[in-house]
Amino acid sequence: MTAPSPPSVVVTRAALLAGVLGFVVGLGYGLTVYAPTAWAAAFEVGIPAAALGVAIGFGVVGVQVARRRR
């Protein structure tokens, strides 16, 4: 059995994963809509995706902490 990850690692990984995925999706969307402003679309989608990743990470950490306290 492996040791559980520290909460900060879980939140960081979730935010990084969601942010990178959002950035790639935004870049792809921006390139198909209007290529000169694709960089802006990447940030418009990537930043909210990273924020959502932080929220999901905190939720996962909250569940883990609640289970350990039982």
N, C-alpha and C. Protein backbone atom coordinates (compact mmCIF):
# COMPACT_ATOMS: atom_id res chain seq x y z
N MET A 1 0.85 -1.18 0.00
CA MET A 1 0.00 0.00 0.00
C MET A 1 0.89 1.24 0.00
N THR A 2 0.58 2.19 -0.85
CA THR A 2 1.39 3.40 -0.94
C THR A 2 0.91 4.44 0.06
N ALA A 3 1.82 5.31 0.41
CA ALA A 3 1.48 6.39 1.34
C ALA A 3 0.62 7.42 0.61
N PRO A 4 -0.35 8.02 1.29
CA PRO A 4 -1.19 9.02 0.64
C PRO A 4 -0.39 10.27 0.30
N SER A 5 -0.78 10.93 -0.78
CA SER A 5 -0.11 12.16 -1.19
C SER A 5 -0.49 13.30 -0.24
N PRO A 6 0.45 14.20 0.01
CA PRO A 6 0.09 15.38 0.81
C PRO A 6 -0.97 16.20 0.09
N PRO A 7 -1.84 16.87 0.82
CA PRO A 7 -2.91 17.64 0.19
C PRO A 7 -2.42 18.67 -0.83
N SER A 8 -1.31 19.31 -0.55
CA SER A 8 -0.83 20.33 -1.48
C SER A 8 -0.44 19.72 -2.82
N VAL A 9 0.06 18.49 -2.80
CA VAL A 9 0.44 17.83 -4.05
C VAL A 9 -0.80 17.50 -4.87
N VAL A 10 -1.85 17.04 -4.22
CA VAL A 10 -3.10 16.70 -4.92
C VAL A 10 -3.68 17.94 -5.57
N VAL A 11 -3.76 19.04 -4.85
CA VAL A 11 -4.32 20.28 -5.39
C VAL A 11 -3.46 20.80 -6.53
N THR A 12 -2.15 20.75 -6.36
CA THR A 12 -1.25 21.24 -7.40
C THR A 12 -1.37 20.40 -8.67
N ARG A 13 -1.43 19.10 -8.53
CA ARG A 13 -1.56 18.24 -9.70
C ARG A 13 -2.88 18.47 -10.42
N ALA A 14 -3.97 18.60 -9.67
CA ALA A 14 -5.27 18.83 -10.29
C ALA A 14 -5.30 20.16 -11.04
N ALA A 15 -4.75 21.20 -10.44
CA ALA A 15 -4.72 22.51 -11.09
C ALA A 15 -3.84 22.49 -12.33
N LEU A 16 -2.71 21.85 -12.25
CA LEU A 16 -1.80 21.78 -13.39
C LEU A 16 -2.42 21.00 -14.54
N LEU A 17 -3.00 19.87 -14.23
CA LEU A 17 -3.62 19.06 -15.27
C LEU A 17 -4.78 19.81 -15.94
N ALA A 18 -5.66 20.37 -15.14
CA ALA A 18 -6.80 21.10 -15.72
C ALA A 18 -6.34 22.33 -16.49
N GLY A 19 -5.35 23.03 -15.98
CA GLY A 19 -4.86 24.22 -16.67
C GLY A 19 -4.22 23.90 -18.00
N VAL A 20 -3.42 22.85 -18.05
CA VAL A 20 -2.77 22.45 -19.31
C VAL A 20 -3.82 21.99 -20.32
N LEU A 21 -4.76 21.17 -19.86
CA LEU A 21 -5.81 20.73 -20.77
C LEU A 21 -6.65 21.90 -21.28
N GLY A 22 -6.98 22.82 -20.41
CA GLY A 22 -7.74 24.01 -20.82
C GLY A 22 -6.96 24.88 -21.80
N PHE A 23 -5.67 25.00 -21.56
CA PHE A 23 -4.82 25.79 -22.45
C PHE A 23 -4.78 25.18 -23.84
N VAL A 24 -4.63 23.86 -23.90
CA VAL A 24 -4.57 23.17 -25.20
C VAL A 24 -5.91 23.27 -25.92
N VAL A 25 -7.00 23.08 -25.20
CA VAL A 25 -8.33 23.20 -25.81
C VAL A 25 -8.56 24.63 -26.30
N GLY A 26 -8.22 25.60 -25.49
CA GLY A 26 -8.39 27.00 -25.89
C GLY A 26 -7.54 27.36 -27.10
N LEU A 27 -6.32 26.84 -27.15
CA LEU A 27 -5.46 27.10 -28.29
C LEU A 27 -6.04 26.47 -29.56
N GLY A 28 -6.49 25.25 -29.45
CA GLY A 28 -7.11 24.60 -30.61
C GLY A 28 -8.35 25.33 -31.07
N TYR A 29 -9.18 25.74 -30.13
CA TYR A 29 -10.39 26.50 -30.48
C TYR A 29 -10.03 27.83 -31.11
N GLY A 30 -9.06 28.51 -30.54
CA GLY A 30 -8.64 29.81 -31.07
C GLY A 30 -8.06 29.71 -32.46
N LEU A 31 -7.32 28.65 -32.73
CA LEU A 31 -6.74 28.47 -34.07
C LEU A 31 -7.81 28.21 -35.12
N THR A 32 -8.88 27.54 -34.73
CA THR A 32 -9.94 27.28 -35.70
C THR A 32 -10.83 28.49 -35.92
N VAL A 33 -10.97 29.36 -34.92
CA VAL A 33 -11.84 30.52 -35.05
C VAL A 33 -11.11 31.69 -35.71
N TYR A 34 -10.02 32.13 -35.11
CA TYR A 34 -9.27 33.27 -35.64
C TYR A 34 -7.83 33.16 -35.14
N ALA A 35 -6.95 32.72 -36.02
CA ALA A 35 -5.58 32.37 -35.65
C ALA A 35 -4.78 33.48 -34.98
N PRO A 36 -4.88 34.76 -35.41
CA PRO A 36 -4.05 35.79 -34.75
C PRO A 36 -4.36 36.00 -33.26
N THR A 37 -5.53 35.63 -32.81
CA THR A 37 -5.85 35.80 -31.39
C THR A 37 -5.97 34.47 -30.65
N ALA A 38 -5.36 33.43 -31.19
CA ALA A 38 -5.44 32.10 -30.56
C ALA A 38 -4.82 32.10 -29.17
N TRP A 39 -3.76 32.89 -28.97
CA TRP A 39 -3.11 32.93 -27.65
C TRP A 39 -4.07 33.45 -26.58
N ALA A 40 -4.93 34.41 -26.95
CA ALA A 40 -5.89 34.95 -25.99
C ALA A 40 -6.94 33.90 -25.64
N ALA A 41 -7.38 33.15 -26.65
CA ALA A 41 -8.37 32.10 -26.38
C ALA A 41 -7.78 31.02 -25.48
N ALA A 42 -6.49 30.74 -25.65
CA ALA A 42 -5.85 29.74 -24.80
C ALA A 42 -5.89 30.17 -23.34
N PHE A 43 -5.65 31.45 -23.07
CA PHE A 43 -5.70 31.93 -21.69
C PHE A 43 -7.14 32.06 -21.19
N GLU A 44 -8.06 32.44 -22.08
CA GLU A 44 -9.46 32.58 -21.68
C GLU A 44 -10.06 31.24 -21.26
N VAL A 45 -9.59 30.16 -21.83
CA VAL A 45 -10.08 28.84 -21.46
C VAL A 45 -9.17 28.21 -20.40
N GLY A 46 -7.87 28.44 -20.50
CA GLY A 46 -6.92 27.80 -19.59
C GLY A 46 -6.99 28.28 -18.16
N ILE A 47 -7.17 29.56 -17.95
CA ILE A 47 -7.21 30.09 -16.59
C ILE A 47 -8.45 29.62 -15.82
N PRO A 48 -9.65 29.69 -16.41
CA PRO A 48 -10.80 29.12 -15.69
C PRO A 48 -10.68 27.61 -15.47
N ALA A 49 -10.06 26.91 -16.41
CA ALA A 49 -9.87 25.47 -16.23
C ALA A 49 -8.94 25.20 -15.06
N ALA A 50 -7.90 26.01 -14.91
CA ALA A 50 -7.00 25.85 -13.77
C ALA A 50 -7.72 26.14 -12.45
N ALA A 51 -8.58 27.15 -12.46
CA ALA A 51 -9.36 27.46 -11.25
C ALA A 51 -10.29 26.30 -10.91
N LEU A 52 -10.88 25.70 -11.93
CA LEU A 52 -11.74 24.54 -11.70
C LEU A 52 -10.91 23.37 -11.16
N GLY A 53 -9.68 23.22 -11.66
CA GLY A 53 -8.79 22.18 -11.14
C GLY A 53 -8.47 22.37 -9.68
N VAL A 54 -8.27 23.61 -9.27
CA VAL A 54 -8.02 23.90 -7.85
C VAL A 54 -9.24 23.52 -7.02
N ALA A 55 -10.43 23.86 -7.49
CA ALA A 55 -11.65 23.53 -6.76
C ALA A 55 -11.81 22.01 -6.64
N ILE A 56 -11.55 21.30 -7.72
CA ILE A 56 -11.66 19.84 -7.68
C ILE A 56 -10.60 19.26 -6.75
N GLY A 57 -9.40 19.81 -6.82
CA GLY A 57 -8.33 19.35 -5.93
C GLY A 57 -8.68 19.54 -4.47
N PHE A 58 -9.24 20.70 -4.13
CA PHE A 58 -9.65 20.93 -2.75
C PHE A 58 -10.76 19.97 -2.34
N GLY A 59 -11.66 19.67 -3.27
CA GLY A 59 -12.72 18.70 -2.97
C GLY A 59 -12.16 17.32 -2.68
N VAL A 60 -11.19 16.89 -3.49
CA VAL A 60 -10.56 15.58 -3.29
C VAL A 60 -9.84 15.55 -1.94
N VAL A 61 -9.12 16.61 -1.64
CA VAL A 61 -8.40 16.68 -0.37
C VAL A 61 -9.40 16.67 0.79
N GLY A 62 -10.50 17.38 0.67
CA GLY A 62 -11.51 17.40 1.71
C GLY A 62 -12.08 16.02 2.00
N VAL A 63 -12.34 15.26 0.94
CA VAL A 63 -12.84 13.91 1.11
C VAL A 63 -11.79 13.01 1.78
N GLN A 64 -10.53 13.16 1.36
CA GLN A 64 -9.47 12.36 1.95
C GLN A 64 -9.30 12.67 3.44
N VAL A 65 -9.34 13.92 3.79
CA VAL A 65 -9.19 14.32 5.20
C VAL A 65 -10.37 13.83 6.01
N ALA A 66 -11.57 13.93 5.46
CA ALA A 66 -12.76 13.46 6.19
C ALA A 66 -12.71 11.95 6.42
N ARG A 67 -12.20 11.21 5.45
CA ARG A 67 -12.12 9.76 5.62
C ARG A 67 -11.08 9.37 6.65
N ARG A 68 -9.98 10.13 6.72
CA ARG A 68 -8.94 9.82 7.70
C ARG A 68 -9.39 10.09 9.12
N ARG A 69 -10.24 11.05 9.30
CA ARG A 69 -10.70 11.44 10.66
C ARG A 69 -11.71 10.47 11.22
N ARG A 70 -12.24 9.58 10.42
CA ARG A 70 -13.24 8.64 10.93
C ARG A 70 -12.65 7.63 11.81
